Amino acid sequence: MNEFSLLIQDWEADIQLLKKHLRHLASQVSAPQALAKRRHLQRKLHQARQAQVMLRNLSLVHPSALSLAA
């Protein structure tokens, strides 16, 4: 496995954890704090997905670019 694959797997684990937290918060929708936390986690999830796609694309375009991205 190369370093890109490991980073992509790490991001996927983070995304799955964020999804778990979002599902938990969905059951508490009536609480204002839960809504704010849910929006915050949704933004983080979106950012994590974008970063994962960028890493995957970067690994396809230039496999040795990981050192530049770090």
PDB file of N, CA and C in Angstrom:
ATOM      1  N   MET A   1       0.837  -1.187   0.000  1.00  0.00           N
ATOM      2  CA  MET A   1       0.000   0.000   0.000  1.00  0.00           C
ATOM      3  C   MET A   1       0.877   1.244   0.000  1.00  0.00           C
ATOM      4  N   ASN A   2       0.494   2.214  -0.817  1.00  0.00           N
ATOM      5  CA  ASN A   2       1.264   3.446  -0.802  1.00  0.00           C
ATOM      6  C   ASN A   2       0.667   4.424   0.204  1.00  0.00           C
ATOM      7  N   GLU A   3       1.364   5.540   0.369  1.00  0.00           N
ATOM      8  CA  GLU A   3       0.930   6.510   1.378  1.00  0.00           C
ATOM      9  C   GLU A   3      -0.421   7.127   1.036  1.00  0.00           C
ATOM     10  N   PHE A   4      -0.689   7.306  -0.250  1.00  0.00           N
ATOM     11  CA  PHE A   4      -1.988   7.844  -0.645  1.00  0.00           C
ATOM     12  C   PHE A   4      -3.114   6.913  -0.219  1.00  0.00           C
ATOM     13  N   SER A   5      -2.930   5.633  -0.413  1.00  0.00           N
ATOM     14  CA  SER A   5      -3.965   4.669  -0.027  1.00  0.00           C
ATOM     15  C   SER A   5      -4.229   4.733   1.466  1.00  0.00           C
ATOM     16  N   LEU A   6      -3.169   4.871   2.252  1.00  0.00           N
ATOM     17  CA  LEU A   6      -3.339   4.972   3.706  1.00  0.00           C
ATOM     18  C   LEU A   6      -4.076   6.248   4.088  1.00  0.00           C
ATOM     19  N   LEU A   7      -3.721   7.357   3.448  1.00  0.00           N
ATOM     20  CA  LEU A   7      -4.416   8.614   3.735  1.00  0.00           C
ATOM     21  C   LEU A   7      -5.887   8.532   3.346  1.00  0.00           C
ATOM     22  N   ILE A   8      -6.157   7.937   2.209  1.00  0.00           N
ATOM     23  CA  ILE A   8      -7.543   7.797   1.754  1.00  0.00           C
ATOM     24  C   ILE A   8      -8.331   6.924   2.726  1.00  0.00           C
ATOM     25  N   GLN A   9      -7.715   5.856   3.223  1.00  0.00           N
ATOM     26  CA  GLN A   9      -8.386   4.999   4.209  1.00  0.00           C
ATOM     27  C   GLN A   9      -8.644   5.760   5.506  1.00  0.00           C
ATOM     28  N   ASP A  10      -7.681   6.589   5.923  1.00  0.00           N
ATOM     29  CA  ASP A  10      -7.882   7.402   7.127  1.00  0.00           C
ATOM     30  C   ASP A  10      -9.060   8.350   6.951  1.00  0.00           C
ATOM     31  N   TRP A  11      -9.130   8.993   5.783  1.00  0.00           N
ATOM     32  CA  TRP A  11     -10.240   9.899   5.524  1.00  0.00           C
ATOM     33  C   TRP A  11     -11.564   9.138   5.517  1.00  0.00           C
ATOM     34  N   GLU A  12     -11.568   7.954   4.944  1.00  0.00           N
ATOM     35  CA  GLU A  12     -12.799   7.157   4.906  1.00  0.00           C
ATOM     36  C   GLU A  12     -13.251   6.800   6.319  1.00  0.00           C
ATOM     37  N   ALA A  13     -12.303   6.468   7.186  1.00  0.00           N
ATOM     38  CA  ALA A  13     -12.647   6.169   8.581  1.00  0.00           C
ATOM     39  C   ALA A  13     -13.230   7.408   9.253  1.00  0.00           C
ATOM     40  N   ASP A  14     -12.640   8.579   8.990  1.00  0.00           N
ATOM     41  CA  ASP A  14     -13.168   9.824   9.558  1.00  0.00           C
ATOM     42  C   ASP A  14     -14.572  10.110   9.042  1.00  0.00           C
ATOM     43  N   ILE A  15     -14.793   9.878   7.768  1.00  0.00           N
ATOM     44  CA  ILE A  15     -16.111  10.102   7.172  1.00  0.00           C
ATOM     45  C   ILE A  15     -17.143   9.180   7.813  1.00  0.00           C
ATOM     46  N   GLN A  16     -16.790   7.924   8.010  1.00  0.00           N
ATOM     47  CA  GLN A  16     -17.722   6.979   8.632  1.00  0.00           C
ATOM     48  C   GLN A  16     -18.053   7.404  10.061  1.00  0.00           C
ATOM     49  N   LEU A  17     -17.058   7.904  10.791  1.00  0.00           N
ATOM     50  CA  LEU A  17     -17.292   8.374  12.156  1.00  0.00           C
ATOM     51  C   LEU A  17     -18.216   9.591  12.157  1.00  0.00           C
ATOM     52  N   LEU A  18     -17.992  10.517  11.236  1.00  0.00           N
ATOM     53  CA  LEU A  18     -18.872  11.678  11.130  1.00  0.00           C
ATOM     54  C   LEU A  18     -20.303  11.258  10.796  1.00  0.00           C
ATOM     55  N   LYS A  19     -20.454  10.290   9.905  1.00  0.00           N
ATOM     56  CA  LYS A  19     -21.795   9.797   9.570  1.00  0.00           C
ATOM     57  C   LYS A  19     -22.478   9.207  10.799  1.00  0.00           C
ATOM     58  N   LYS A  20     -21.718   8.481  11.602  1.00  0.00           N
ATOM     59  CA  LYS A  20     -22.276   7.885  12.823  1.00  0.00           C
ATOM     60  C   LYS A  20     -22.773   8.979  13.765  1.00  0.00           C
ATOM     61  N   HIS A  21     -21.966  10.022  13.941  1.00  0.00           N
ATOM     62  CA  HIS A  21     -22.374  11.126  14.812  1.00  0.00           C
ATOM     63  C   HIS A  21     -23.605  11.840  14.257  1.00  0.00           C
ATOM     64  N   LEU A  22     -23.661  12.000  12.945  1.00  0.00           N
ATOM     65  CA  LEU A  22     -24.823  12.647  12.334  1.00  0.00           C
ATOM     66  C   LEU A  22     -26.093  11.832  12.538  1.00  0.00           C
ATOM     67  N   ARG A  23     -25.993  10.513  12.417  1.00  0.00           N
ATOM     68  CA  ARG A  23     -27.174   9.663  12.657  1.00  0.00           C
ATOM     69  C   ARG A  23     -27.643   9.792  14.105  1.00  0.00           C
ATOM     70  N   HIS A  24     -26.698   9.839  15.026  1.00  0.00           N
ATOM     71  CA  HIS A  24     -27.047   9.979  16.439  1.00  0.00           C
ATOM     72  C   HIS A  24     -27.743  11.320  16.678  1.00  0.00           C
ATOM     73  N   LEU A  25     -27.207  12.377  16.089  1.00  0.00           N
ATOM     74  CA  LEU A  25     -27.806  13.695  16.278  1.00  0.00           C
ATOM     75  C   LEU A  25     -29.168  13.810  15.604  1.00  0.00           C
ATOM     76  N   ALA A  26     -29.387  13.057  14.555  1.00  0.00           N
ATOM     77  CA  ALA A  26     -30.676  13.105  13.862  1.00  0.00           C
ATOM     78  C   ALA A  26     -31.813  12.684  14.787  1.00  0.00           C
ATOM     79  N   SER A  27     -31.500  11.844  15.761  1.00  0.00           N
ATOM     80  CA  SER A  27     -32.530  11.414  16.705  1.00  0.00           C
ATOM     81  C   SER A  27     -32.825  12.487  17.750  1.00  0.00           C
ATOM     82  N   GLN A  28     -31.991  13.515  17.806  1.00  0.00           N
ATOM     83  CA  GLN A  28     -32.168  14.593  18.784  1.00  0.00           C
ATOM     84  C   GLN A  28     -32.467  15.917  18.086  1.00  0.00           C
ATOM     85  N   VAL A  29     -33.149  15.866  16.972  1.00  0.00           N
ATOM     86  CA  VAL A  29     -33.347  17.038  16.126  1.00  0.00           C
ATOM     87  C   VAL A  29     -34.011  18.197  16.848  1.00  0.00           C
ATOM     88  N   SER A  30     -34.830  17.945  17.826  1.00  0.00           N
ATOM     89  CA  SER A  30     -35.563  19.028  18.476  1.00  0.00           C
ATOM     90  C   SER A  30     -34.669  19.921  19.329  1.00  0.00           C
ATOM     91  N   ALA A  31     -33.540  19.441  19.765  1.00  0.00           N
ATOM     92  CA  ALA A  31     -32.650  20.242  20.606  1.00  0.00           C
ATOM     93  C   ALA A  31     -31.856  21.224  19.737  1.00  0.00           C
ATOM     94  N   PRO A  32     -31.909  22.532  20.056  1.00  0.00           N
ATOM     95  CA  PRO A  32     -31.189  23.535  19.250  1.00  0.00           C
ATOM     96  C   PRO A  32     -29.682  23.266  19.171  1.00  0.00           C
ATOM     97  N   GLN A  33     -29.106  22.805  20.271  1.00  0.00           N
ATOM     98  CA  GLN A  33     -27.667  22.527  20.258  1.00  0.00           C
ATOM     99  C   GLN A  33     -27.355  21.367  19.325  1.00  0.00           C
ATOM    100  N   ALA A  34     -28.250  20.400  19.261  1.00  0.00           N
ATOM    101  CA  ALA A  34     -28.045  19.257  18.376  1.00  0.00           C
ATOM    102  C   ALA A  34     -28.092  19.700  16.917  1.00  0.00           C
ATOM    103  N   LEU A  35     -28.980  20.642  16.601  1.00  0.00           N
ATOM    104  CA  LEU A  35     -29.055  21.145  15.230  1.00  0.00           C
ATOM    105  C   LEU A  35     -27.768  21.858  14.834  1.00  0.00           C
ATOM    106  N   ALA A  36     -27.244  22.679  15.731  1.00  0.00           N
ATOM    107  CA  ALA A  36     -25.996  23.391  15.452  1.00  0.00           C
ATOM    108  C   ALA A  36     -24.844  22.407  15.291  1.00  0.00           C
ATOM    109  N   LYS A  37     -24.795  21.421  16.162  1.00  0.00           N
ATOM    110  CA  LYS A  37     -23.731  20.413  16.079  1.00  0.00           C
ATOM    111  C   LYS A  37     -23.867  19.607  14.788  1.00  0.00           C
ATOM    112  N   ARG A  38     -25.095  19.305  14.408  1.00  0.00           N
ATOM    113  CA  ARG A  38     -25.332  18.543  13.175  1.00  0.00           C
ATOM    114  C   ARG A  38     -24.838  19.323  11.961  1.00  0.00           C
ATOM    115  N   ARG A  39     -25.139  20.618  11.906  1.00  0.00           N
ATOM    116  CA  ARG A  39     -24.669  21.448  10.795  1.00  0.00           C
ATOM    117  C   ARG A  39     -23.143  21.495  10.761  1.00  0.00           C
ATOM    118  N   HIS A  40     -22.543  21.614  11.935  1.00  0.00           N
ATOM    119  CA  HIS A  40     -21.080  21.639  12.032  1.00  0.00           C
ATOM    120  C   HIS A  40     -20.485  20.329  11.503  1.00  0.00           C
ATOM    121  N   LEU A  41     -21.057  19.205  11.919  1.00  0.00           N
ATOM    122  CA  LEU A  41     -20.552  17.906  11.475  1.00  0.00           C
ATOM    123  C   LEU A  41     -20.792  17.689   9.981  1.00  0.00           C
ATOM    124  N   GLN A  42     -21.900  18.214   9.472  1.00  0.00           N
ATOM    125  CA  GLN A  42     -22.158  18.091   8.038  1.00  0.00           C
ATOM    126  C   GLN A  42     -21.111  18.859   7.232  1.00  0.00           C
ATOM    127  N   ARG A  43     -20.717  20.046   7.722  1.00  0.00           N
ATOM    128  CA  ARG A  43     -19.659  20.802   7.048  1.00  0.00           C
ATOM    129  C   ARG A  43     -18.352  20.021   7.070  1.00  0.00           C
ATOM    130  N   LYS A  44     -18.031  19.436   8.228  1.00  0.00           N
ATOM    131  CA  LYS A  44     -16.799  18.648   8.343  1.00  0.00           C
ATOM    132  C   LYS A  44     -16.839  17.436   7.417  1.00  0.00           C
ATOM    133  N   LEU A  45     -17.985  16.797   7.335  1.00  0.00           N
ATOM    134  CA  LEU A  45     -18.146  15.645   6.451  1.00  0.00           C
ATOM    135  C   LEU A  45     -17.919  16.061   4.997  1.00  0.00           C
ATOM    136  N   HIS A  46     -18.491  17.180   4.612  1.00  0.00           N
ATOM    137  CA  HIS A  46     -18.316  17.681   3.251  1.00  0.00           C
ATOM    138  C   HIS A  46     -16.842  17.985   2.978  1.00  0.00           C
ATOM    139  N   GLN A  47     -16.165  18.627   3.930  1.00  0.00           N
ATOM    140  CA  GLN A  47     -14.745  18.937   3.775  1.00  0.00           C
ATOM    141  C   GLN A  47     -13.910  17.663   3.686  1.00  0.00           C
ATOM    142  N   ALA A  48     -14.247  16.677   4.495  1.00  0.00           N
ATOM    143  CA  ALA A  48     -13.499  15.415   4.479  1.00  0.00           C
ATOM    144  C   ALA A  48     -13.666  14.711   3.141  1.00  0.00           C
ATOM    145  N   ARG A  49     -14.875  14.739   2.613  1.00  0.00           N
ATOM    146  CA  ARG A  49     -15.112  14.108   1.304  1.00  0.00           C
ATOM    147  C   ARG A  49     -14.338  14.830   0.200  1.00  0.00           C
ATOM    148  N   GLN A  50     -14.332  16.165   0.256  1.00  0.00           N
ATOM    149  CA  GLN A  50     -13.586  16.925  -0.743  1.00  0.00           C
ATOM    150  C   GLN A  50     -12.094  16.614  -0.662  1.00  0.00           C
ATOM    151  N   ALA A  51     -11.565  16.560   0.548  1.00  0.00           N
ATOM    152  CA  ALA A  51     -10.145  16.265   0.728  1.00  0.00           C
ATOM    153  C   ALA A  51      -9.817  14.860   0.238  1.00  0.00           C
ATOM    154  N   GLN A  52     -10.701  13.920   0.505  1.00  0.00           N
ATOM    155  CA  GLN A  52     -10.478  12.545   0.063  1.00  0.00           C
ATOM    156  C   GLN A  52     -10.443  12.474  -1.465  1.00  0.00           C
ATOM    157  N   VAL A  53     -11.342  13.165  -2.124  1.00  0.00           N
ATOM    158  CA  VAL A  53     -11.369  13.177  -3.587  1.00  0.00           C
ATOM    159  C   VAL A  53     -10.100  13.828  -4.129  1.00  0.00           C
ATOM    160  N   MET A  54      -9.676  14.930  -3.513  1.00  0.00           N
ATOM    161  CA  MET A  54      -8.454  15.589  -3.970  1.00  0.00           C
ATOM    162  C   MET A  54      -7.245  14.678  -3.814  1.00  0.00           C
ATOM    163  N   LEU A  55      -7.157  13.977  -2.686  1.00  0.00           N
ATOM    164  CA  LEU A  55      -6.044  13.049  -2.485  1.00  0.00           C
ATOM    165  C   LEU A  55      -6.066  11.931  -3.515  1.00  0.00           C
ATOM    166  N   ARG A  56      -7.242  11.398  -3.759  1.00  0.00           N
ATOM    167  CA  ARG A  56      -7.353  10.321  -4.744  1.00  0.00           C
ATOM    168  C   ARG A  56      -6.946  10.821  -6.129  1.00  0.00           C
ATOM    169  N   ASN A  57      -7.418  12.001  -6.508  1.00  0.00           N
ATOM    170  CA  ASN A  57      -7.063  12.563  -7.813  1.00  0.00           C
ATOM    171  C   ASN A  57      -5.573  12.854  -7.900  1.00  0.00           C
ATOM    172  N   LEU A  58      -5.023  13.384  -6.835  1.00  0.00           N
ATOM    173  CA  LEU A  58      -3.597  13.680  -6.809  1.00  0.00           C
ATOM    174  C   LEU A  58      -2.771  12.409  -6.939  1.00  0.00           C
ATOM    175  N   SER A  59      -3.214  11.352  -6.285  1.00  0.00           N
ATOM    176  CA  SER A  59      -2.468  10.093  -6.363  1.00  0.00           C
ATOM    177  C   SER A  59      -2.510   9.508  -7.768  1.00  0.00           C
ATOM    178  N   LEU A  60      -3.584   9.776  -8.502  1.00  0.00           N
ATOM    179  CA  LEU A  60      -3.688   9.278  -9.872  1.00  0.00           C
ATOM    180  C   LEU A  60      -2.848  10.101 -10.839  1.00  0.00           C
ATOM    181  N   VAL A  61      -2.810  11.407 -10.619  1.00  0.00           N
ATOM    182  CA  VAL A  61      -2.096  12.302 -11.520  1.00  0.00           C
ATOM    183  C   VAL A  61      -0.592  12.223 -11.300  1.00  0.00           C
ATOM    184  N   HIS A  62      -0.195  12.251 -10.034  1.00  0.00           N
ATOM    185  CA  HIS A  62       1.239  12.290  -9.743  1.00  0.00           C
ATOM    186  C   HIS A  62       1.517  11.527  -8.453  1.00  0.00           C
ATOM    187  N   PRO A  63       1.818  10.242  -8.538  1.00  0.00           N
ATOM    188  CA  PRO A  63       1.993   9.409  -7.342  1.00  0.00           C
ATOM    189  C   PRO A  63       3.054   9.905  -6.362  1.00  0.00           C
ATOM    190  N   SER A  64       4.073  10.606  -6.833  1.00  0.00           N
ATOM    191  CA  SER A  64       5.114  11.076  -5.916  1.00  0.00           C
ATOM    192  C   SER A  64       4.782  12.435  -5.314  1.00  0.00           C
ATOM    193  N   ALA A  65       3.595  12.958  -5.584  1.00  0.00           N
ATOM    194  CA  ALA A  65       3.223  14.281  -5.094  1.00  0.00           C
ATOM    195  C   ALA A  65       2.833  14.286  -3.628  1.00  0.00           C
ATOM    196  N   LEU A  66       2.759  13.137  -2.998  1.00  0.00           N
ATOM    197  CA  LEU A  66       2.369  13.085  -1.590  1.00  0.00           C
ATOM    198  C   LEU A  66       3.312  13.906  -0.732  1.00  0.00           C
ATOM    199  N   SER A  67       4.591  13.860  -1.016  1.00  0.00           N
ATOM    200  CA  SER A  67       5.545  14.625  -0.220  1.00  0.00           C
ATOM    201  C   SER A  67       5.294  16.117  -0.364  1.00  0.00           C
ATOM    202  N   LEU A  68       4.794  16.546  -1.512  1.00  0.00           N
ATOM    203  CA  LEU A  68       4.467  17.954  -1.708  1.00  0.00           C
ATOM    204  C   LEU A  68       3.204  18.339  -0.953  1.00  0.00           C
ATOM    205  N   ALA A  69       2.271  17.417  -0.845  1.00  0.00           N
ATOM    206  CA  ALA A  69       1.002  17.696  -0.171  1.00  0.00           C
ATOM    207  C   ALA A  69       1.151  17.713   1.337  1.00  0.00           C
ATOM    208  N   ALA A  70       2.156  17.063   1.869  1.00  0.00           N
ATOM    209  CA  ALA A  70       2.327  16.947   3.320  1.00  0.00           C
ATOM    210  C   ALA A  70       2.835  18.207   3.956  1.00  0.00           C
TER     211      ALA A  70
END
